[in-house]
Amino acid sequence: GNAAAALSHRIFLIEYFLSQNIFEPERTDALLNEPKTCVIVYTDGGASPNPGLGGWAAILVSPGHGGAERELYGAEPDTTNNRMELTAAIQALRALKYPCRVELHTDSTYLRNAFEKGWLERWRKNGWRTSGKQAVLNRDLWEELWELSRTHSIYWHWVKGHAGDERNNRCDALVQRAKEEFLSGMSPAAPA
């Protein structure tokens, strides 16, 4: 019936979307004016204990390809919540093949505020020092995020974690899955 036809159409769209390879890694340092392709991204990361075993996840949604989705996730044995939040955003942005307008949804105020409140720009100008003259934590990840943010036009959205947002909840479940797979000896799929 209609449900089977709709499912078949969605599977076709997902297969078509994946065949277009817009989510394959490719780096470019070109500055953008107005990228035409929009991708909606949801990210999450966490470690338990903190520091400890951590996982990250991202869901990429392409409205231009019928809402097709791609899920990414991975784990690290000795990390922190903040490193996993940053890694999720990095992996999502790395997965985009060409410059895009990115609507990035995160439950991490640390991640969002670094961009929205200008922290990252100030840290860079201050030689990777905070306003309190302390070395910026996670500098390696912030530097990569800075470069990726110059490739894509990113619009940051904060979502409350564990509050009913379907894709945020799915990311949280993928973070747990990544950690479980790591502990069971299965290596969670991580993009190259």
C-alpha atoms as a PDB file:
ATOM      1  CA  GLY A   1       0.000   0.000   0.000  1.00  0.00           C
ATOM      2  CA  ASN A   2       0.942   3.613   0.509  1.00  0.00           C
ATOM      3  CA  ALA A   3       3.280   2.856   3.426  1.00  0.00           C
ATOM      4  CA  ALA A   4       5.259   0.330   1.365  1.00  0.00           C
ATOM      5  CA  ALA A   5       5.473   2.756  -1.557  1.00  0.00           C
ATOM      6  CA  ALA A   6       6.641   5.552   0.742  1.00  0.00           C
ATOM      7  CA  LEU A   7       9.292   3.304   2.296  1.00  0.00           C
ATOM      8  CA  SER A   8      10.451   2.167  -1.136  1.00  0.00           C
ATOM      9  CA  HIS A   9      10.679   5.796  -2.273  1.00  0.00           C
ATOM     10  CA  ARG A  10      12.662   6.760   0.862  1.00  0.00           C
ATOM     11  CA  ILE A  11      15.077   3.861   0.331  1.00  0.00           C
ATOM     12  CA  PHE A  12      15.519   4.963  -3.289  1.00  0.00           C
ATOM     13  CA  LEU A  13      16.224   8.533  -2.158  1.00  0.00           C
ATOM     14  CA  ILE A  14      18.754   7.377   0.438  1.00  0.00           C
ATOM     15  CA  GLU A  15      20.530   5.172  -2.115  1.00  0.00           C
ATOM     16  CA  TYR A  16      20.549   8.027  -4.627  1.00  0.00           C
ATOM     17  CA  PHE A  17      21.759  10.473  -2.009  1.00  0.00           C
ATOM     18  CA  LEU A  18      24.609   8.211  -0.920  1.00  0.00           C
ATOM     19  CA  SER A  19      25.573   7.614  -4.555  1.00  0.00           C
ATOM     20  CA  GLN A  20      26.122  11.377  -4.930  1.00  0.00           C
ATOM     21  CA  ASN A  21      29.000  11.128  -2.416  1.00  0.00           C
ATOM     22  CA  ILE A  22      28.491  14.550  -0.882  1.00  0.00           C
ATOM     23  CA  PHE A  23      29.421  13.127   2.509  1.00  0.00           C
ATOM     24  CA  GLU A  24      32.851  11.839   1.497  1.00  0.00           C
ATOM     25  CA  PRO A  25      35.814  13.498   3.202  1.00  0.00           C
ATOM     26  CA  GLU A  26      37.503  16.272   1.286  1.00  0.00           C
ATOM     27  CA  ARG A  27      39.289  19.258   2.729  1.00  0.00           C
ATOM     28  CA  THR A  28      39.244  22.709   1.205  1.00  0.00           C
ATOM     29  CA  ASP A  29      40.371  25.983   2.683  1.00  0.00           C
ATOM     30  CA  ALA A  30      38.332  28.187   0.357  1.00  0.00           C
ATOM     31  CA  LEU A  31      36.393  30.945   2.051  1.00  0.00           C
ATOM     32  CA  LEU A  32      32.718  30.938   1.228  1.00  0.00           C
ATOM     33  CA  ASN A  33      30.177  33.528   0.354  1.00  0.00           C
ATOM     34  CA  GLU A  34      26.840  31.740  -0.006  1.00  0.00           C
ATOM     35  CA  PRO A  35      27.011  27.964  -0.311  1.00  0.00           C
ATOM     36  CA  LYS A  36      23.839  26.620  -1.855  1.00  0.00           C
ATOM     37  CA  THR A  37      23.729  23.155  -0.319  1.00  0.00           C
ATOM     38  CA  CYS A  38      22.213  22.935   3.121  1.00  0.00           C
ATOM     39  CA  VAL A  39      22.958  20.103   5.516  1.00  0.00           C
ATOM     40  CA  ILE A  40      21.361  19.729   8.921  1.00  0.00           C
ATOM     41  CA  VAL A  41      23.707  18.208  11.487  1.00  0.00           C
ATOM     42  CA  TYR A  42      23.052  16.893  14.983  1.00  0.00           C
ATOM     43  CA  THR A  43      26.012  16.021  17.207  1.00  0.00           C
ATOM     44  CA  ASP A  44      26.628  14.590  20.644  1.00  0.00           C
ATOM     45  CA  GLY A  45      29.540  13.294  22.650  1.00  0.00           C
ATOM     46  CA  GLY A  46      30.297  12.129  26.130  1.00  0.00           C
ATOM     47  CA  ALA A  47      32.657  10.232  28.377  1.00  0.00           C
ATOM     48  CA  SER A  48      31.896   8.132  31.429  1.00  0.00           C
ATOM     49  CA  PRO A  49      33.528   8.470  33.741  1.00  0.00           C
ATOM     50  CA  ASN A  50      34.776  11.918  32.736  1.00  0.00           C
ATOM     51  CA  PRO A  51      37.610  11.503  31.856  1.00  0.00           C
ATOM     52  CA  GLY A  52      37.235   7.943  30.660  1.00  0.00           C
ATOM     53  CA  LEU A  53      35.791   5.943  27.800  1.00  0.00           C
ATOM     54  CA  GLY A  54      34.117   8.335  25.401  1.00  0.00           C
ATOM     55  CA  GLY A  55      31.901   8.232  22.370  1.00  0.00           C
ATOM     56  CA  TRP A  56      30.812  10.722  19.750  1.00  0.00           C
ATOM     57  CA  ALA A  57      28.047  10.712  17.147  1.00  0.00           C
ATOM     58  CA  ALA A  58      26.666  12.819  14.340  1.00  0.00           C
ATOM     59  CA  ILE A  59      23.609  12.643  12.134  1.00  0.00           C
ATOM     60  CA  LEU A  60      23.770  14.457   8.797  1.00  0.00           C
ATOM     61  CA  VAL A  61      20.485  15.229   7.048  1.00  0.00           C
ATOM     62  CA  SER A  62      20.212  16.490   3.470  1.00  0.00           C
ATOM     63  CA  PRO A  63      16.884  18.234   2.835  1.00  0.00           C
ATOM     64  CA  GLY A  64      17.853  18.533  -0.829  1.00  0.00           C
ATOM     65  CA  HIS A  65      17.949  14.753  -1.129  1.00  0.00           C
ATOM     66  CA  GLY A  66      14.575  13.925   0.361  1.00  0.00           C
ATOM     67  CA  GLY A  67      15.794  14.197   3.939  1.00  0.00           C
ATOM     68  CA  ALA A  68      18.250  11.331   3.536  1.00  0.00           C
ATOM     69  CA  GLU A  69      20.350  10.770   6.647  1.00  0.00           C
ATOM     70  CA  ARG A  70      23.827   9.496   7.423  1.00  0.00           C
ATOM     71  CA  GLU A  71      24.920   8.429  10.904  1.00  0.00           C
ATOM     72  CA  LEU A  72      28.535   8.571  12.067  1.00  0.00           C
ATOM     73  CA  TYR A  73      29.922   7.468  15.421  1.00  0.00           C
ATOM     74  CA  GLY A  74      33.102   6.397  17.147  1.00  0.00           C
ATOM     75  CA  ALA A  75      34.806   5.923  20.502  1.00  0.00           C
ATOM     76  CA  GLU A  76      38.065   6.716  22.289  1.00  0.00           C
ATOM     77  CA  PRO A  77      39.371   4.922  25.380  1.00  0.00           C
ATOM     78  CA  ASP A  78      40.668   7.846  27.462  1.00  0.00           C
ATOM     79  CA  THR A  79      38.998  11.175  26.764  1.00  0.00           C
ATOM     80  CA  THR A  80      36.597  13.799  28.114  1.00  0.00           C
ATOM     81  CA  ASN A  81      33.039  14.944  27.470  1.00  0.00           C
ATOM     82  CA  ASN A  82      34.251  18.131  25.818  1.00  0.00           C
ATOM     83  CA  ARG A  83      36.711  16.349  23.512  1.00  0.00           C
ATOM     84  CA  MET A  84      33.939  14.031  22.361  1.00  0.00           C
ATOM     85  CA  GLU A  85      31.548  16.947  21.717  1.00  0.00           C
ATOM     86  CA  LEU A  86      34.210  18.652  19.584  1.00  0.00           C
ATOM     87  CA  THR A  87      35.103  15.406  17.811  1.00  0.00           C
ATOM     88  CA  ALA A  88      31.464  14.847  16.840  1.00  0.00           C
ATOM     89  CA  ALA A  89      31.314  18.262  15.161  1.00  0.00           C
ATOM     90  CA  ILE A  90      34.675  17.744  13.453  1.00  0.00           C
ATOM     91  CA  GLN A  91      33.715  14.330  12.079  1.00  0.00           C
ATOM     92  CA  ALA A  92      30.397  15.670  10.764  1.00  0.00           C
ATOM     93  CA  LEU A  93      32.068  18.607   9.017  1.00  0.00           C
ATOM     94  CA  ARG A  94      34.887  16.428   7.650  1.00  0.00           C
ATOM     95  CA  ALA A  95      32.278  14.169   6.070  1.00  0.00           C
ATOM     96  CA  LEU A  96      30.986  16.947   3.800  1.00  0.00           C
ATOM     97  CA  LYS A  97      32.525  16.713   0.357  1.00  0.00           C
ATOM     98  CA  TYR A  98      32.148  20.360  -0.578  1.00  0.00           C
ATOM     99  CA  PRO A  99      31.343  23.679   1.126  1.00  0.00           C
ATOM    100  CA  CYS A 100      27.857  23.717   2.594  1.00  0.00           C
ATOM    101  CA  ARG A 101      25.530  25.803   4.662  1.00  0.00           C
ATOM    102  CA  VAL A 102      25.409  23.764   7.870  1.00  0.00           C
ATOM    103  CA  GLU A 103      22.674  24.022  10.484  1.00  0.00           C
ATOM    104  CA  LEU A 104      24.527  22.386  13.375  1.00  0.00           C
ATOM    105  CA  HIS A 105      22.526  21.312  16.428  1.00  0.00           C
ATOM    106  CA  THR A 106      24.394  20.513  19.643  1.00  0.00           C
ATOM    107  CA  ASP A 107      23.561  20.156  23.302  1.00  0.00           C
ATOM    108  CA  SER A 108      27.061  21.428  24.166  1.00  0.00           C
ATOM    109  CA  THR A 109      27.125  25.062  25.244  1.00  0.00           C
ATOM    110  CA  TYR A 110      30.941  24.761  25.305  1.00  0.00           C
ATOM    111  CA  LEU A 111      30.980  24.040  21.569  1.00  0.00           C
ATOM    112  CA  ARG A 112      28.291  26.506  20.539  1.00  0.00           C
ATOM    113  CA  ASN A 113      29.468  29.378  22.725  1.00  0.00           C
ATOM    114  CA  ALA A 114      33.044  29.141  21.465  1.00  0.00           C
ATOM    115  CA  PHE A 115      31.709  30.244  18.084  1.00  0.00           C
ATOM    116  CA  GLU A 116      28.614  32.248  19.002  1.00  0.00           C
ATOM    117  CA  LYS A 117      30.270  34.290  21.774  1.00  0.00           C
ATOM    118  CA  GLY A 118      33.572  34.768  19.959  1.00  0.00           C
ATOM    119  CA  TRP A 119      35.672  32.731  22.415  1.00  0.00           C
ATOM    120  CA  LEU A 120      37.449  30.822  19.665  1.00  0.00           C
ATOM    121  CA  GLU A 121      38.420  33.958  17.794  1.00  0.00           C
ATOM    122  CA  ARG A 122      39.756  35.576  21.008  1.00  0.00           C
ATOM    123  CA  TRP A 123      41.693  32.428  21.942  1.00  0.00           C
ATOM    124  CA  ARG A 124      43.375  32.437  18.537  1.00  0.00           C
ATOM    125  CA  LYS A 125      44.247  36.139  18.777  1.00  0.00           C
ATOM    126  CA  ASN A 126      45.598  35.639  22.333  1.00  0.00           C
ATOM    127  CA  GLY A 127      48.000  32.852  21.313  1.00  0.00           C
ATOM    128  CA  TRP A 128      45.604  30.107  22.446  1.00  0.00           C
ATOM    129  CA  ARG A 129      45.251  31.593  25.920  1.00  0.00           C
ATOM    130  CA  THR A 130      42.006  32.200  27.787  1.00  0.00           C
ATOM    131  CA  SER A 131      41.125  35.584  29.247  1.00  0.00           C
ATOM    132  CA  GLY A 132      42.636  34.225  32.499  1.00  0.00           C
ATOM    133  CA  LYS A 133      45.943  33.620  30.646  1.00  0.00           C
ATOM    134  CA  GLN A 134      45.543  29.836  30.873  1.00  0.00           C
ATOM    135  CA  ALA A 135      46.313  27.546  27.939  1.00  0.00           C
ATOM    136  CA  VAL A 136      43.155  26.676  26.002  1.00  0.00           C
ATOM    137  CA  LEU A 137      42.162  23.049  26.564  1.00  0.00           C
ATOM    138  CA  ASN A 138      41.606  20.882  23.482  1.00  0.00           C
ATOM    139  CA  ARG A 139      43.557  23.272  21.272  1.00  0.00           C
ATOM    140  CA  ASP A 140      44.180  20.570  18.649  1.00  0.00           C
ATOM    141  CA  LEU A 141      40.451  20.075  18.151  1.00  0.00           C
ATOM    142  CA  TRP A 142      39.642  23.790  18.243  1.00  0.00           C
ATOM    143  CA  GLU A 143      42.239  24.451  15.547  1.00  0.00           C
ATOM    144  CA  GLU A 144      40.666  21.852  13.278  1.00  0.00           C
ATOM    145  CA  LEU A 145      37.171  23.175  13.970  1.00  0.00           C
ATOM    146  CA  TRP A 146      38.389  26.681  13.121  1.00  0.00           C
ATOM    147  CA  GLU A 147      39.660  25.488   9.738  1.00  0.00           C
ATOM    148  CA  LEU A 148      36.442  23.602   9.037  1.00  0.00           C
ATOM    149  CA  SER A 149      34.384  26.645  10.021  1.00  0.00           C
ATOM    150  CA  ARG A 150      36.212  28.621   7.313  1.00  0.00           C
ATOM    151  CA  THR A 151      35.184  26.017   4.723  1.00  0.00           C
ATOM    152  CA  HIS A 152      31.488  25.856   5.638  1.00  0.00           C
ATOM    153  CA  SER A 153      28.909  28.441   6.653  1.00  0.00           C
ATOM    154  CA  ILE A 154      27.877  27.100  10.044  1.00  0.00           C
ATOM    155  CA  TYR A 155      24.799  28.212  11.943  1.00  0.00           C
ATOM    156  CA  TRP A 156      24.881  26.973  15.537  1.00  0.00           C
ATOM    157  CA  HIS A 157      21.761  25.777  17.354  1.00  0.00           C
ATOM    158  CA  TRP A 158      21.635  24.673  20.974  1.00  0.00           C
ATOM    159  CA  VAL A 159      19.229  21.882  21.878  1.00  0.00           C
ATOM    160  CA  LYS A 160      18.520  20.716  25.392  1.00  0.00           C
ATOM    161  CA  GLY A 161      19.944  17.232  25.875  1.00  0.00           C
ATOM    162  CA  HIS A 162      17.639  14.377  26.859  1.00  0.00           C
ATOM    163  CA  ALA A 163      14.590  16.584  26.312  1.00  0.00           C
ATOM    164  CA  GLY A 164      12.668  14.868  23.555  1.00  0.00           C
ATOM    165  CA  ASP A 165      14.492  16.070  20.430  1.00  0.00           C
ATOM    166  CA  GLU A 166      14.407  12.943  18.255  1.00  0.00           C
ATOM    167  CA  ARG A 167      17.750  13.384  16.506  1.00  0.00           C
ATOM    168  CA  ASN A 168      19.554  14.552  19.643  1.00  0.00           C
ATOM    169  CA  ASN A 169      18.264  11.444  21.403  1.00  0.00           C
ATOM    170  CA  ARG A 170      19.414   9.309  18.462  1.00  0.00           C
ATOM    171  CA  CYS A 171      22.901  10.840  18.691  1.00  0.00           C
ATOM    172  CA  ASP A 172      22.976  10.051  22.400  1.00  0.00           C
ATOM    173  CA  ALA A 173      22.035   6.434  21.633  1.00  0.00           C
ATOM    174  CA  LEU A 174      24.825   6.258  18.999  1.00  0.00           C
ATOM    175  CA  VAL A 175      27.337   7.573  21.568  1.00  0.00           C
ATOM    176  CA  GLN A 176      26.328   4.722  23.888  1.00  0.00           C
ATOM    177  CA  ARG A 177      26.505   2.244  21.000  1.00  0.00           C
ATOM    178  CA  ALA A 178      30.011   3.436  20.087  1.00  0.00           C
ATOM    179  CA  LYS A 179      31.199   2.855  23.655  1.00  0.00           C
ATOM    180  CA  GLU A 180      29.510  -0.558  23.851  1.00  0.00           C
ATOM    181  CA  GLU A 181      31.063  -1.642  20.555  1.00  0.00           C
ATOM    182  CA  PHE A 182      34.467  -0.426  21.735  1.00  0.00           C
ATOM    183  CA  LEU A 183      34.167  -2.424  24.970  1.00  0.00           C
ATOM    184  CA  SER A 184      33.012  -5.547  23.125  1.00  0.00           C
ATOM    185  CA  GLY A 185      36.030  -5.396  20.807  1.00  0.00           C
ATOM    186  CA  MET A 186      34.088  -4.202  17.788  1.00  0.00           C
ATOM    187  CA  SER A 187      35.617  -1.060  16.406  1.00  0.00           C
ATOM    188  CA  PRO A 188      32.893   1.521  15.762  1.00  0.00           C
ATOM    189  CA  ALA A 189      32.931   2.809  12.229  1.00  0.00           C
ATOM    190  CA  ALA A 190      34.840   6.075  12.136  1.00  0.00           C
ATOM    191  CA  PRO A 191      35.396   8.049   8.966  1.00  0.00           C
ATOM    192  CA  ALA A 192      38.965   8.161   7.695  1.00  0.00           C
END
